[in-house]
Amino acid sequence: MKYRFSFFALILILSHCASAFQKQSSEADWPKLTQVEQEILKPTRWDIGDTTVSNEDRLDLLIPHVKNLGNVYLGVGSEQNLTLAAWAKSDFIYLMDFTQVVVSANQMMVMFLKESPNKEVFLSRYKKENQAESFALIEKNLPNPNHYKQIFTNTLKFVKKRHRTNKITSDLYNYKMFQTDDEQYAYIRNLALQGRIFPVKGSLLGDITLNSIGDTLKKTGRTIGVLYFSNAEEYFKYPPSFIRSIKNLPVNESSLVVRTISVKQNKFPWSPGSDLSTSIGFHYCVQKVNNFQVWLSQPRTLRSDIIMEEGGEVDKKNGITIVTGLPKS
């Protein structure tokens, strides 16, 4: 009995050591996720500042779908990604955008997270009366500070409005998000402090950044948890570069596409209250990434609305579609 106990004790010790080593190795891999080739951005008509925040006012509809998905988060746009990533408890966040103003605003936002011990201080960084202190942090932490000061000035009114809207919607629909909840803010800030929020330059239609992220995730043994497109897909049919990049992403059975759509309102009604902050509302949609990859393997030209119509269950009352169907052969 003594030897049997010693044997099992040894097994438990070795198992614990292996688990601890695996965790340390996993944590040591985070910097490797930033080794991504990025596209060179060109000026666009969207480089004015209003796209540095979201106007999707019913993200709360996504909570039951993204909750605790973990793994790597990849999304386009800005602060709304942190809201979704906090709900998902993502391990690492790629903030990708094809406009320099959003990429720079995201870099500044990550810096403010690091420099703000709580949500109240973080939100105060974007108040006009605290501009001198915010500029001092920019001088201290960011290269080419004049560029970021200009970004701050150009985007301030949009960011302040978004922060107000986030408070209104979270109260109205009774949910928590990282700007209103201490625990969620601490989670997101900890990711920032550990270098696990990484703004990147890239377009969904490009053939460099998105594809390189897939390669990097494969090399590091990571998988996508949430893939967030916002409403970008309504502007294009899926080109070969996009299809290749999406099919190159490593996923598991729970990996989820999150998208919105503002067009074809007769088929995809806007969610009630989704037009609170602007005159445009949105319909929300979720789809497993592996399902999306199957659709992208079809030898025909596709758009997101076609997939939603042919493969989705449309909840017109709440304004959300869940795509589970596969393409018909």
C-alpha atoms as a PDB file:
ATOM      1  CA  MET A   1       0.000   0.000   0.000  1.00  0.00           C
ATOM      2  CA  LYS A   2       2.864   2.356   0.855  1.00  0.00           C
ATOM      3  CA  TYR A   3       4.444   1.896  -2.574  1.00  0.00           C
ATOM      4  CA  ARG A   4       1.099   2.229  -4.359  1.00  0.00           C
ATOM      5  CA  PHE A   5       0.436   5.513  -2.539  1.00  0.00           C
ATOM      6  CA  SER A   6       3.905   6.780  -3.421  1.00  0.00           C
ATOM      7  CA  PHE A   7       3.388   5.867  -7.070  1.00  0.00           C
ATOM      8  CA  PHE A   8       0.096   7.740  -7.336  1.00  0.00           C
ATOM      9  CA  ALA A   9       1.519  10.682  -5.396  1.00  0.00           C
ATOM     10  CA  LEU A  10       4.392  10.831  -7.873  1.00  0.00           C
ATOM     11  CA  ILE A  11       1.946  10.782 -10.792  1.00  0.00           C
ATOM     12  CA  LEU A  12      -0.017  13.678  -9.267  1.00  0.00           C
ATOM     13  CA  ILE A  13       3.147  15.701  -8.683  1.00  0.00           C
ATOM     14  CA  LEU A  14       4.388  15.120 -12.223  1.00  0.00           C
ATOM     15  CA  SER A  15       0.968  15.997 -13.623  1.00  0.00           C
ATOM     16  CA  HIS A  16       0.904  19.237 -11.638  1.00  0.00           C
ATOM     17  CA  CYS A  17       4.416  20.136 -12.782  1.00  0.00           C
ATOM     18  CA  ALA A  18       3.530  19.431 -16.417  1.00  0.00           C
ATOM     19  CA  SER A  19       0.410  21.582 -16.120  1.00  0.00           C
ATOM     20  CA  ALA A  20       2.376  24.438 -14.550  1.00  0.00           C
ATOM     21  CA  PHE A  21       5.067  24.186 -17.233  1.00  0.00           C
ATOM     22  CA  GLN A  22       2.432  24.171 -19.977  1.00  0.00           C
ATOM     23  CA  LYS A  23       0.813  27.277 -18.465  1.00  0.00           C
ATOM     24  CA  GLN A  24       4.155  29.093 -18.244  1.00  0.00           C
ATOM     25  CA  SER A  25       4.991  28.130 -21.835  1.00  0.00           C
ATOM     26  CA  SER A  26       1.558  29.298 -22.955  1.00  0.00           C
ATOM     27  CA  GLU A  27       1.970  32.649 -21.224  1.00  0.00           C
ATOM     28  CA  ALA A  28       5.444  33.037 -22.701  1.00  0.00           C
ATOM     29  CA  ASP A  29       3.925  32.704 -26.181  1.00  0.00           C
ATOM     30  CA  TRP A  30       1.835  35.892 -25.975  1.00  0.00           C
ATOM     31  CA  PRO A  31       4.534  38.135 -27.544  1.00  0.00           C
ATOM     32  CA  LYS A  32       4.704  35.715 -30.477  1.00  0.00           C
ATOM     33  CA  LEU A  33       1.118  36.605 -31.352  1.00  0.00           C
ATOM     34  CA  THR A  34       2.264  40.126 -32.208  1.00  0.00           C
ATOM     35  CA  GLN A  35       4.587  38.803 -34.915  1.00  0.00           C
ATOM     36  CA  VAL A  36       2.167  39.614 -37.707  1.00  0.00           C
ATOM     37  CA  GLU A  37       2.814  41.092 -41.139  1.00  0.00           C
ATOM     38  CA  GLN A  38       0.707  44.205 -41.621  1.00  0.00           C
ATOM     39  CA  GLU A  39      -0.560  46.076 -44.634  1.00  0.00           C
ATOM     40  CA  ILE A  40       0.430  49.625 -45.523  1.00  0.00           C
ATOM     41  CA  LEU A  41      -2.667  51.755 -45.101  1.00  0.00           C
ATOM     42  CA  LYS A  42      -3.846  54.335 -47.607  1.00  0.00           C
ATOM     43  CA  PRO A  43      -6.007  57.391 -46.831  1.00  0.00           C
ATOM     44  CA  THR A  44      -9.748  56.714 -47.048  1.00  0.00           C
ATOM     45  CA  ARG A  45     -12.953  58.724 -46.824  1.00  0.00           C
ATOM     46  CA  TRP A  46     -13.479  57.238 -43.360  1.00  0.00           C
ATOM     47  CA  ASP A  47     -10.405  58.913 -41.832  1.00  0.00           C
ATOM     48  CA  ILE A  48     -12.459  61.558 -40.046  1.00  0.00           C
ATOM     49  CA  GLY A  49     -12.898  60.181 -36.539  1.00  0.00           C
ATOM     50  CA  ASP A  50     -16.495  58.962 -36.260  1.00  0.00           C
ATOM     51  CA  THR A  51     -15.465  55.373 -37.024  1.00  0.00           C
ATOM     52  CA  THR A  52     -13.230  55.310 -33.938  1.00  0.00           C
ATOM     53  CA  VAL A  53     -16.331  54.321 -31.969  1.00  0.00           C
ATOM     54  CA  SER A  54     -19.243  51.984 -32.591  1.00  0.00           C
ATOM     55  CA  ASN A  55     -22.841  52.931 -33.343  1.00  0.00           C
ATOM     56  CA  GLU A  56     -24.136  49.410 -32.654  1.00  0.00           C
ATOM     57  CA  ASP A  57     -26.400  49.993 -29.677  1.00  0.00           C
ATOM     58  CA  ARG A  58     -27.684  46.450 -28.994  1.00  0.00           C
ATOM     59  CA  LEU A  59     -24.504  44.455 -28.563  1.00  0.00           C
ATOM     60  CA  ASP A  60     -26.135  43.010 -25.442  1.00  0.00           C
ATOM     61  CA  LEU A  61     -28.062  40.641 -27.730  1.00  0.00           C
ATOM     62  CA  LEU A  62     -24.761  38.864 -28.285  1.00  0.00           C
ATOM     63  CA  ILE A  63     -23.983  38.138 -24.622  1.00  0.00           C
ATOM     64  CA  PRO A  64     -25.457  34.593 -24.500  1.00  0.00           C
ATOM     65  CA  HIS A  65     -23.656  33.706 -27.721  1.00  0.00           C
ATOM     66  CA  VAL A  66     -20.146  35.002 -26.957  1.00  0.00           C
ATOM     67  CA  LYS A  67     -20.068  34.447 -23.182  1.00  0.00           C
ATOM     68  CA  ASN A  68     -16.902  32.678 -22.006  1.00  0.00           C
ATOM     69  CA  LEU A  69     -15.817  31.540 -25.478  1.00  0.00           C
ATOM     70  CA  GLY A  70     -12.221  32.402 -24.582  1.00  0.00           C
ATOM     71  CA  ASN A  71      -9.343  31.898 -27.031  1.00  0.00           C
ATOM     72  CA  VAL A  72      -8.264  34.659 -29.433  1.00  0.00           C
ATOM     73  CA  TYR A  73     -10.505  37.573 -30.358  1.00  0.00           C
ATOM     74  CA  LEU A  74     -10.156  39.178 -33.796  1.00  0.00           C
ATOM     75  CA  GLY A  75     -12.304  42.163 -34.654  1.00  0.00           C
ATOM     76  CA  VAL A  76     -12.498  45.239 -36.831  1.00  0.00           C
ATOM     77  CA  GLY A  77     -13.162  48.678 -35.416  1.00  0.00           C
ATOM     78  CA  SER A  78     -12.527  50.005 -31.948  1.00  0.00           C
ATOM     79  CA  GLU A  79     -13.897  50.016 -28.396  1.00  0.00           C
ATOM     80  CA  GLN A  80     -16.882  47.746 -29.061  1.00  0.00           C
ATOM     81  CA  ASN A  81     -14.395  44.910 -29.447  1.00  0.00           C
ATOM     82  CA  LEU A  82     -13.334  45.278 -25.820  1.00  0.00           C
ATOM     83  CA  THR A  83     -16.966  45.019 -24.740  1.00  0.00           C
ATOM     84  CA  LEU A  84     -17.389  41.747 -26.622  1.00  0.00           C
ATOM     85  CA  ALA A  85     -13.975  40.410 -25.571  1.00  0.00           C
ATOM     86  CA  ALA A  86     -14.746  41.026 -21.893  1.00  0.00           C
ATOM     87  CA  TRP A  87     -17.944  38.998 -22.210  1.00  0.00           C
ATOM     88  CA  ALA A  88     -16.074  36.280 -24.103  1.00  0.00           C
ATOM     89  CA  LYS A  89     -13.173  36.268 -21.609  1.00  0.00           C
ATOM     90  CA  SER A  90     -10.828  36.300 -24.595  1.00  0.00           C
ATOM     91  CA  ASP A  91      -7.161  35.450 -23.993  1.00  0.00           C
ATOM     92  CA  PHE A  92      -5.760  37.812 -26.626  1.00  0.00           C
ATOM     93  CA  ILE A  93      -7.301  40.580 -28.737  1.00  0.00           C
ATOM     94  CA  TYR A  94      -6.441  41.700 -32.261  1.00  0.00           C
ATOM     95  CA  LEU A  95      -7.956  45.103 -33.070  1.00  0.00           C
ATOM     96  CA  MET A  96      -7.735  45.356 -36.856  1.00  0.00           C
ATOM     97  CA  ASP A  97      -8.722  48.270 -39.049  1.00  0.00           C
ATOM     98  CA  PHE A  98      -8.053  49.607 -42.533  1.00  0.00           C
ATOM     99  CA  THR A  99      -7.977  53.275 -41.460  1.00  0.00           C
ATOM    100  CA  GLN A 100      -5.033  54.868 -39.704  1.00  0.00           C
ATOM    101  CA  VAL A 101      -7.291  56.996 -37.514  1.00  0.00           C
ATOM    102  CA  VAL A 102      -8.865  53.895 -35.937  1.00  0.00           C
ATOM    103  CA  VAL A 103      -5.548  52.067 -35.554  1.00  0.00           C
ATOM    104  CA  SER A 104      -4.021  55.111 -33.843  1.00  0.00           C
ATOM    105  CA  ALA A 105      -7.095  55.632 -31.660  1.00  0.00           C
ATOM    106  CA  ASN A 106      -6.888  51.980 -30.609  1.00  0.00           C
ATOM    107  CA  GLN A 107      -3.198  52.313 -29.742  1.00  0.00           C
ATOM    108  CA  MET A 108      -4.023  55.355 -27.632  1.00  0.00           C
ATOM    109  CA  MET A 109      -6.921  53.537 -25.969  1.00  0.00           C
ATOM    110  CA  VAL A 110      -4.682  50.617 -24.983  1.00  0.00           C
ATOM    111  CA  MET A 111      -2.189  53.072 -23.506  1.00  0.00           C
ATOM    112  CA  PHE A 112      -4.941  54.798 -21.496  1.00  0.00           C
ATOM    113  CA  LEU A 113      -6.074  51.398 -20.191  1.00  0.00           C
ATOM    114  CA  LYS A 114      -2.575  50.708 -18.902  1.00  0.00           C
ATOM    115  CA  GLU A 115      -2.421  54.126 -17.236  1.00  0.00           C
ATOM    116  CA  SER A 116      -5.893  53.943 -15.650  1.00  0.00           C
ATOM    117  CA  PRO A 117      -6.319  51.778 -12.521  1.00  0.00           C
ATOM    118  CA  ASN A 118     -10.120  51.816 -12.727  1.00  0.00           C
ATOM    119  CA  LYS A 119     -12.921  52.520 -15.175  1.00  0.00           C
ATOM    120  CA  GLU A 120     -13.611  55.984 -13.784  1.00  0.00           C
ATOM    121  CA  VAL A 121     -10.055  57.120 -14.436  1.00  0.00           C
ATOM    122  CA  PHE A 122     -10.105  55.542 -17.898  1.00  0.00           C
ATOM    123  CA  LEU A 123     -13.280  57.388 -18.883  1.00  0.00           C
ATOM    124  CA  SER A 124     -11.884  60.635 -17.481  1.00  0.00           C
ATOM    125  CA  ARG A 125      -8.974  60.466 -19.935  1.00  0.00           C
ATOM    126  CA  TYR A 126     -11.446  61.481 -22.640  1.00  0.00           C
ATOM    127  CA  LYS A 127     -12.803  64.562 -20.890  1.00  0.00           C
ATOM    128  CA  LYS A 128     -11.899  67.984 -22.238  1.00  0.00           C
ATOM    129  CA  GLU A 129     -11.007  69.281 -18.786  1.00  0.00           C
ATOM    130  CA  ASN A 130      -8.413  66.505 -18.422  1.00  0.00           C
ATOM    131  CA  GLN A 131      -6.800  67.064 -21.809  1.00  0.00           C
ATOM    132  CA  ALA A 132      -3.511  68.334 -20.368  1.00  0.00           C
ATOM    133  CA  GLU A 133      -3.055  65.160 -18.320  1.00  0.00           C
ATOM    134  CA  SER A 134      -4.047  62.969 -21.268  1.00  0.00           C
ATOM    135  CA  PHE A 135      -1.577  64.792 -23.498  1.00  0.00           C
ATOM    136  CA  ALA A 136       1.131  64.254 -20.876  1.00  0.00           C
ATOM    137  CA  LEU A 137       0.459  60.509 -21.005  1.00  0.00           C
ATOM    138  CA  ILE A 138       0.664  60.612 -24.790  1.00  0.00           C
ATOM    139  CA  GLU A 139       4.005  62.416 -24.556  1.00  0.00           C
ATOM    140  CA  LYS A 140       5.249  59.834 -22.073  1.00  0.00           C
ATOM    141  CA  ASN A 141       4.104  56.651 -23.792  1.00  0.00           C
ATOM    142  CA  LEU A 142       3.577  57.055 -27.529  1.00  0.00           C
ATOM    143  CA  PRO A 143       5.935  57.816 -30.421  1.00  0.00           C
ATOM    144  CA  ASN A 144       5.173  60.851 -32.575  1.00  0.00           C
ATOM    145  CA  PRO A 145       2.989  62.400 -29.833  1.00  0.00           C
ATOM    146  CA  ASN A 146       1.737  65.217 -32.053  1.00  0.00           C
ATOM    147  CA  HIS A 147       0.029  62.634 -34.251  1.00  0.00           C
ATOM    148  CA  TYR A 148      -1.808  61.092 -31.296  1.00  0.00           C
ATOM    149  CA  LYS A 149      -2.729  64.482 -29.862  1.00  0.00           C
ATOM    150  CA  GLN A 150      -4.376  65.278 -33.185  1.00  0.00           C
ATOM    151  CA  ILE A 151      -6.175  61.935 -33.116  1.00  0.00           C
ATOM    152  CA  PHE A 152      -7.357  62.715 -29.580  1.00  0.00           C
ATOM    153  CA  THR A 153      -8.644  66.136 -30.627  1.00  0.00           C
ATOM    154  CA  ASN A 154     -10.370  64.876 -33.777  1.00  0.00           C
ATOM    155  CA  THR A 155     -12.106  61.954 -32.095  1.00  0.00           C
ATOM    156  CA  LEU A 156     -12.948  63.337 -28.651  1.00  0.00           C
ATOM    157  CA  LYS A 157     -16.563  64.322 -29.352  1.00  0.00           C
ATOM    158  CA  PHE A 158     -17.325  60.931 -30.882  1.00  0.00           C
ATOM    159  CA  VAL A 159     -15.731  59.015 -28.007  1.00  0.00           C
ATOM    160  CA  LYS A 160     -17.539  61.055 -25.351  1.00  0.00           C
ATOM    161  CA  LYS A 161     -20.880  60.460 -27.074  1.00  0.00           C
ATOM    162  CA  ARG A 162     -20.171  56.729 -27.256  1.00  0.00           C
ATOM    163  CA  HIS A 163     -19.315  56.568 -23.574  1.00  0.00           C
ATOM    164  CA  ARG A 164     -22.616  58.275 -22.739  1.00  0.00           C
ATOM    165  CA  THR A 165     -24.512  55.884 -25.012  1.00  0.00           C
ATOM    166  CA  ASN A 166     -22.829  52.860 -23.436  1.00  0.00           C
ATOM    167  CA  LYS A 167     -24.038  54.004 -20.018  1.00  0.00           C
ATOM    168  CA  ILE A 168     -27.570  54.615 -21.298  1.00  0.00           C
ATOM    169  CA  THR A 169     -27.911  51.266 -23.076  1.00  0.00           C
ATOM    170  CA  SER A 170     -26.367  49.234 -20.250  1.00  0.00           C
ATOM    171  CA  ASP A 171     -28.863  50.792 -17.831  1.00  0.00           C
ATOM    172  CA  LEU A 172     -31.783  50.496 -20.251  1.00  0.00           C
ATOM    173  CA  TYR A 173     -31.204  46.826 -21.079  1.00  0.00           C
ATOM    174  CA  ASN A 174     -29.734  45.866 -17.702  1.00  0.00           C
ATOM    175  CA  TYR A 175     -26.351  44.487 -18.690  1.00  0.00           C
ATOM    176  CA  LYS A 176     -22.751  45.053 -17.641  1.00  0.00           C
ATOM    177  CA  MET A 177     -19.791  45.962 -19.830  1.00  0.00           C
ATOM    178  CA  PHE A 178     -16.199  46.951 -19.254  1.00  0.00           C
ATOM    179  CA  GLN A 179     -16.944  50.677 -18.955  1.00  0.00           C
ATOM    180  CA  THR A 180     -19.619  50.141 -16.296  1.00  0.00           C
ATOM    181  CA  ASP A 181     -18.401  47.073 -14.397  1.00  0.00           C
ATOM    182  CA  ASP A 182     -15.279  46.912 -12.225  1.00  0.00           C
ATOM    183  CA  GLU A 183     -14.607  43.220 -12.809  1.00  0.00           C
ATOM    184  CA  GLN A 184     -14.873  43.456 -16.589  1.00  0.00           C
ATOM    185  CA  TYR A 185     -12.738  46.595 -16.671  1.00  0.00           C
ATOM    186  CA  ALA A 186     -10.060  44.875 -14.570  1.00  0.00           C
ATOM    187  CA  TYR A 187     -10.098  41.925 -16.966  1.00  0.00           C
ATOM    188  CA  ILE A 188      -9.588  44.119 -20.039  1.00  0.00           C
ATOM    189  CA  ARG A 189      -6.973  46.286 -18.341  1.00  0.00           C
ATOM    190  CA  ASN A 190      -5.021  43.203 -17.307  1.00  0.00           C
ATOM    191  CA  LEU A 191      -4.896  42.102 -20.949  1.00  0.00           C
ATOM    192  CA  ALA A 192      -3.557  45.539 -21.879  1.00  0.00           C
ATOM    193  CA  LEU A 193      -0.913  45.443 -19.140  1.00  0.00           C
ATOM    194  CA  GLN A 194       0.246  42.032 -20.345  1.00  0.00           C
ATOM    195  CA  GLY A 195       0.513  43.151 -23.967  1.00  0.00           C
ATOM    196  CA  ARG A 196      -2.437  41.021 -25.007  1.00  0.00           C
ATOM    197  CA  ILE A 197      -4.389  43.729 -26.863  1.00  0.00           C
ATOM    198  CA  PHE A 198      -2.713  44.337 -30.191  1.00  0.00           C
ATOM    199  CA  PRO A 199      -3.935  46.971 -32.693  1.00  0.00           C
ATOM    200  CA  VAL A 200      -2.987  46.038 -36.254  1.00  0.00           C
ATOM    201  CA  LYS A 201      -3.234  47.671 -39.663  1.00  0.00           C
ATOM    202  CA  GLY A 202      -5.228  45.572 -42.066  1.00  0.00           C
ATOM    203  CA  SER A 203      -8.227  45.253 -44.335  1.00  0.00           C
ATOM    204  CA  LEU A 204     -10.669  42.375 -44.559  1.00  0.00           C
ATOM    205  CA  LEU A 205     -10.112  42.609 -48.312  1.00  0.00           C
ATOM    206  CA  GLY A 206      -6.330  42.615 -48.038  1.00  0.00           C
ATOM    207  CA  ASP A 207      -4.064  39.642 -48.568  1.00  0.00           C
ATOM    208  CA  ILE A 208      -1.476  40.285 -45.840  1.00  0.00           C
ATOM    209  CA  THR A 209      -2.633  41.067 -42.289  1.00  0.00           C
ATOM    210  CA  LEU A 210      -5.614  38.751 -41.900  1.00  0.00           C
ATOM    211  CA  ASN A 211      -3.790  35.873 -43.546  1.00  0.00           C
ATOM    212  CA  SER A 212      -0.698  36.505 -41.416  1.00  0.00           C
ATOM    213  CA  ILE A 213      -2.789  36.382 -38.235  1.00  0.00           C
ATOM    214  CA  GLY A 214      -3.990  32.935 -39.275  1.00  0.00           C
ATOM    215  CA  ASP A 215      -0.404  31.796 -39.852  1.00  0.00           C
ATOM    216  CA  THR A 216       0.702  33.185 -36.480  1.00  0.00           C
ATOM    217  CA  LEU A 217      -2.143  31.486 -34.622  1.00  0.00           C
ATOM    218  CA  LYS A 218      -1.269  28.167 -36.229  1.00  0.00           C
ATOM    219  CA  LYS A 219       2.399  28.513 -35.291  1.00  0.00           C
ATOM    220  CA  THR A 220       1.514  29.246 -31.662  1.00  0.00           C
ATOM    221  CA  GLY A 221      -1.219  26.619 -31.376  1.00  0.00           C
ATOM    222  CA  ARG A 222      -3.990  29.177 -30.819  1.00  0.00           C
ATOM    223  CA  THR A 223      -7.540  29.235 -32.126  1.00  0.00           C
ATOM    224  CA  ILE A 224     -10.085  31.940 -32.845  1.00  0.00           C
ATOM    225  CA  GLY A 225     -12.783  32.413 -30.223  1.00  0.00           C
ATOM    226  CA  VAL A 226     -14.662  35.386 -31.689  1.00  0.00           C
ATOM    227  CA  LEU A 227     -14.369  36.829 -35.197  1.00  0.00           C
ATOM    228  CA  TYR A 228     -16.147  40.200 -35.342  1.00  0.00           C
ATOM    229  CA  PHE A 229     -16.876  41.932 -38.652  1.00  0.00           C
ATOM    230  CA  SER A 230     -19.297  44.670 -37.557  1.00  0.00           C
ATOM    231  CA  ASN A 231     -21.271  45.589 -40.714  1.00  0.00           C
ATOM    232  CA  ALA A 232     -18.225  45.645 -43.008  1.00  0.00           C
ATOM    233  CA  GLU A 233     -19.463  42.692 -45.069  1.00  0.00           C
ATOM    234  CA  GLU A 234     -22.448  44.596 -46.421  1.00  0.00           C
ATOM    235  CA  TYR A 235     -20.016  46.662 -48.509  1.00  0.00           C
ATOM    236  CA  PHE A 236     -18.572  43.793 -50.553  1.00  0.00           C
ATOM    237  CA  LYS A 237     -18.992  40.376 -52.079  1.00  0.00           C
ATOM    238  CA  TYR A 238     -16.439  37.897 -50.789  1.00  0.00           C
ATOM    239  CA  PRO A 239     -13.277  38.125 -52.932  1.00  0.00           C
ATOM    240  CA  PRO A 240     -10.669  35.336 -53.173  1.00  0.00           C
ATOM    241  CA  SER A 241      -8.298  37.105 -50.749  1.00  0.00           C
ATOM    242  CA  PHE A 242     -10.967  37.237 -48.029  1.00  0.00           C
ATOM    243  CA  ILE A 243     -11.961  33.613 -48.589  1.00  0.00           C
ATOM    244  CA  ARG A 244      -8.350  32.426 -48.349  1.00  0.00           C
ATOM    245  CA  SER A 245      -7.714  34.385 -45.160  1.00  0.00           C
ATOM    246  CA  ILE A 246     -10.866  33.203 -43.374  1.00  0.00           C
ATOM    247  CA  LYS A 247     -10.265  29.577 -44.338  1.00  0.00           C
ATOM    248  CA  ASN A 248      -6.695  29.946 -43.033  1.00  0.00           C
ATOM    249  CA  LEU A 249      -7.873  30.799 -39.502  1.00  0.00           C
ATOM    250  CA  PRO A 250      -7.544  27.948 -36.973  1.00  0.00           C
ATOM    251  CA  VAL A 251     -10.874  27.381 -35.223  1.00  0.00           C
ATOM    252  CA  ASN A 252     -12.703  24.926 -32.993  1.00  0.00           C
ATOM    253  CA  GLU A 253     -16.344  23.908 -32.671  1.00  0.00           C
ATOM    254  CA  SER A 254     -17.249  26.987 -30.615  1.00  0.00           C
ATOM    255  CA  SER A 255     -15.425  29.660 -32.671  1.00  0.00           C
ATOM    256  CA  LEU A 256     -17.996  32.293 -33.588  1.00  0.00           C
ATOM    257  CA  VAL A 257     -18.520  34.900 -36.302  1.00  0.00           C
ATOM    258  CA  VAL A 258     -20.297  38.040 -35.098  1.00  0.00           C
ATOM    259  CA  ARG A 259     -21.626  40.499 -37.651  1.00  0.00           C
ATOM    260  CA  THR A 260     -24.218  43.222 -38.080  1.00  0.00           C
ATOM    261  CA  ILE A 261     -26.172  44.397 -41.096  1.00  0.00           C
ATOM    262  CA  SER A 262     -28.066  47.630 -41.660  1.00  0.00           C
ATOM    263  CA  VAL A 263     -29.382  46.996 -45.187  1.00  0.00           C
ATOM    264  CA  LYS A 264     -32.301  44.853 -46.434  1.00  0.00           C
ATOM    265  CA  GLN A 265     -34.346  45.863 -43.425  1.00  0.00           C
ATOM    266  CA  ASN A 266     -37.437  44.065 -44.749  1.00  0.00           C
ATOM    267  CA  LYS A 267     -35.620  40.728 -44.424  1.00  0.00           C
ATOM    268  CA  PHE A 268     -33.427  41.614 -41.463  1.00  0.00           C
ATOM    269  CA  PRO A 269     -35.292  44.084 -39.225  1.00  0.00           C
ATOM    270  CA  TRP A 270     -33.249  46.316 -36.996  1.00  0.00           C
ATOM    271  CA  SER A 271     -33.122  45.281 -33.390  1.00  0.00           C
ATOM    272  CA  PRO A 272     -35.380  47.479 -31.217  1.00  0.00           C
ATOM    273  CA  GLY A 273     -33.296  50.320 -29.820  1.00  0.00           C
ATOM    274  CA  SER A 274     -30.378  49.688 -32.167  1.00  0.00           C
ATOM    275  CA  ASP A 275     -30.794  53.148 -33.671  1.00  0.00           C
ATOM    276  CA  LEU A 276     -30.540  54.990 -30.362  1.00  0.00           C
ATOM    277  CA  SER A 277     -27.293  56.825 -31.090  1.00  0.00           C
ATOM    278  CA  THR A 278     -27.757  57.375 -34.839  1.00  0.00           C
ATOM    279  CA  SER A 279     -30.488  57.273 -37.463  1.00  0.00           C
ATOM    280  CA  ILE A 280     -29.249  53.860 -38.604  1.00  0.00           C
ATOM    281  CA  GLY A 281     -30.041  50.665 -36.732  1.00  0.00           C
ATOM    282  CA  PHE A 282     -28.653  47.166 -37.067  1.00  0.00           C
ATOM    283  CA  HIS A 283     -29.669  43.550 -37.300  1.00  0.00           C
ATOM    284  CA  TYR A 284     -27.294  41.198 -35.472  1.00  0.00           C
ATOM    285  CA  CYS A 285     -26.014  37.808 -36.575  1.00  0.00           C
ATOM    286  CA  VAL A 286     -23.926  34.949 -35.203  1.00  0.00           C
ATOM    287  CA  GLN A 287     -22.521  31.958 -37.064  1.00  0.00           C
ATOM    288  CA  LYS A 288     -19.941  29.326 -36.187  1.00  0.00           C
ATOM    289  CA  VAL A 289     -16.690  30.030 -38.015  1.00  0.00           C
ATOM    290  CA  ASN A 290     -16.396  26.446 -39.237  1.00  0.00           C
ATOM    291  CA  ASN A 291     -19.882  26.787 -40.737  1.00  0.00           C
ATOM    292  CA  PHE A 292     -18.815  30.043 -42.405  1.00  0.00           C
ATOM    293  CA  GLN A 293     -15.733  28.328 -43.814  1.00  0.00           C
ATOM    294  CA  VAL A 294     -17.961  25.685 -45.412  1.00  0.00           C
ATOM    295  CA  TRP A 295     -20.053  28.398 -47.051  1.00  0.00           C
ATOM    296  CA  LEU A 296     -16.893  30.064 -48.353  1.00  0.00           C
ATOM    297  CA  SER A 297     -15.916  26.803 -50.052  1.00  0.00           C
ATOM    298  CA  GLN A 298     -18.883  27.107 -52.412  1.00  0.00           C
ATOM    299  CA  PRO A 299     -18.063  27.782 -56.086  1.00  0.00           C
ATOM    300  CA  ARG A 300     -20.283  30.851 -56.287  1.00  0.00           C
ATOM    301  CA  THR A 301     -20.153  34.510 -55.366  1.00  0.00           C
ATOM    302  CA  LEU A 302     -21.479  35.125 -51.871  1.00  0.00           C
ATOM    303  CA  ARG A 303     -22.343  37.967 -49.518  1.00  0.00           C
ATOM    304  CA  SER A 304     -23.215  37.870 -45.846  1.00  0.00           C
ATOM    305  CA  ASP A 305     -26.912  38.555 -46.479  1.00  0.00           C
ATOM    306  CA  ILE A 306     -27.159  35.556 -48.828  1.00  0.00           C
ATOM    307  CA  ILE A 307     -25.717  33.258 -46.162  1.00  0.00           C
ATOM    308  CA  MET A 308     -28.018  34.745 -43.529  1.00  0.00           C
ATOM    309  CA  GLU A 309     -31.079  34.322 -45.729  1.00  0.00           C
ATOM    310  CA  GLU A 310     -30.320  30.788 -46.912  1.00  0.00           C
ATOM    311  CA  GLY A 311     -28.728  29.370 -43.766  1.00  0.00           C
ATOM    312  CA  GLY A 312     -30.118  31.391 -40.893  1.00  0.00           C
ATOM    313  CA  GLU A 313     -33.071  31.496 -38.519  1.00  0.00           C
ATOM    314  CA  VAL A 314     -34.233  35.120 -38.471  1.00  0.00           C
ATOM    315  CA  ASP A 315     -35.679  36.434 -35.220  1.00  0.00           C
ATOM    316  CA  LYS A 316     -37.486  39.482 -36.568  1.00  0.00           C
ATOM    317  CA  LYS A 317     -38.823  40.529 -33.174  1.00  0.00           C
ATOM    318  CA  ASN A 318     -35.409  40.899 -31.537  1.00  0.00           C
ATOM    319  CA  GLY A 319     -33.431  41.601 -34.689  1.00  0.00           C
ATOM    320  CA  ILE A 320     -30.938  38.755 -34.629  1.00  0.00           C
ATOM    321  CA  THR A 321     -30.183  35.869 -36.986  1.00  0.00           C
ATOM    322  CA  ILE A 322     -28.476  32.625 -36.008  1.00  0.00           C
ATOM    323  CA  VAL A 323     -26.869  30.847 -38.952  1.00  0.00           C
ATOM    324  CA  THR A 324     -26.586  27.089 -38.526  1.00  0.00           C
ATOM    325  CA  GLY A 325     -27.665  25.819 -41.932  1.00  0.00           C
ATOM    326  CA  LEU A 326     -25.221  24.573 -44.532  1.00  0.00           C
ATOM    327  CA  PRO A 327     -25.348  25.403 -48.239  1.00  0.00           C
ATOM    328  CA  LYS A 328     -27.567  23.182 -50.318  1.00  0.00           C
ATOM    329  CA  SER A 329     -25.634  20.933 -52.644  1.00  0.00           C
END
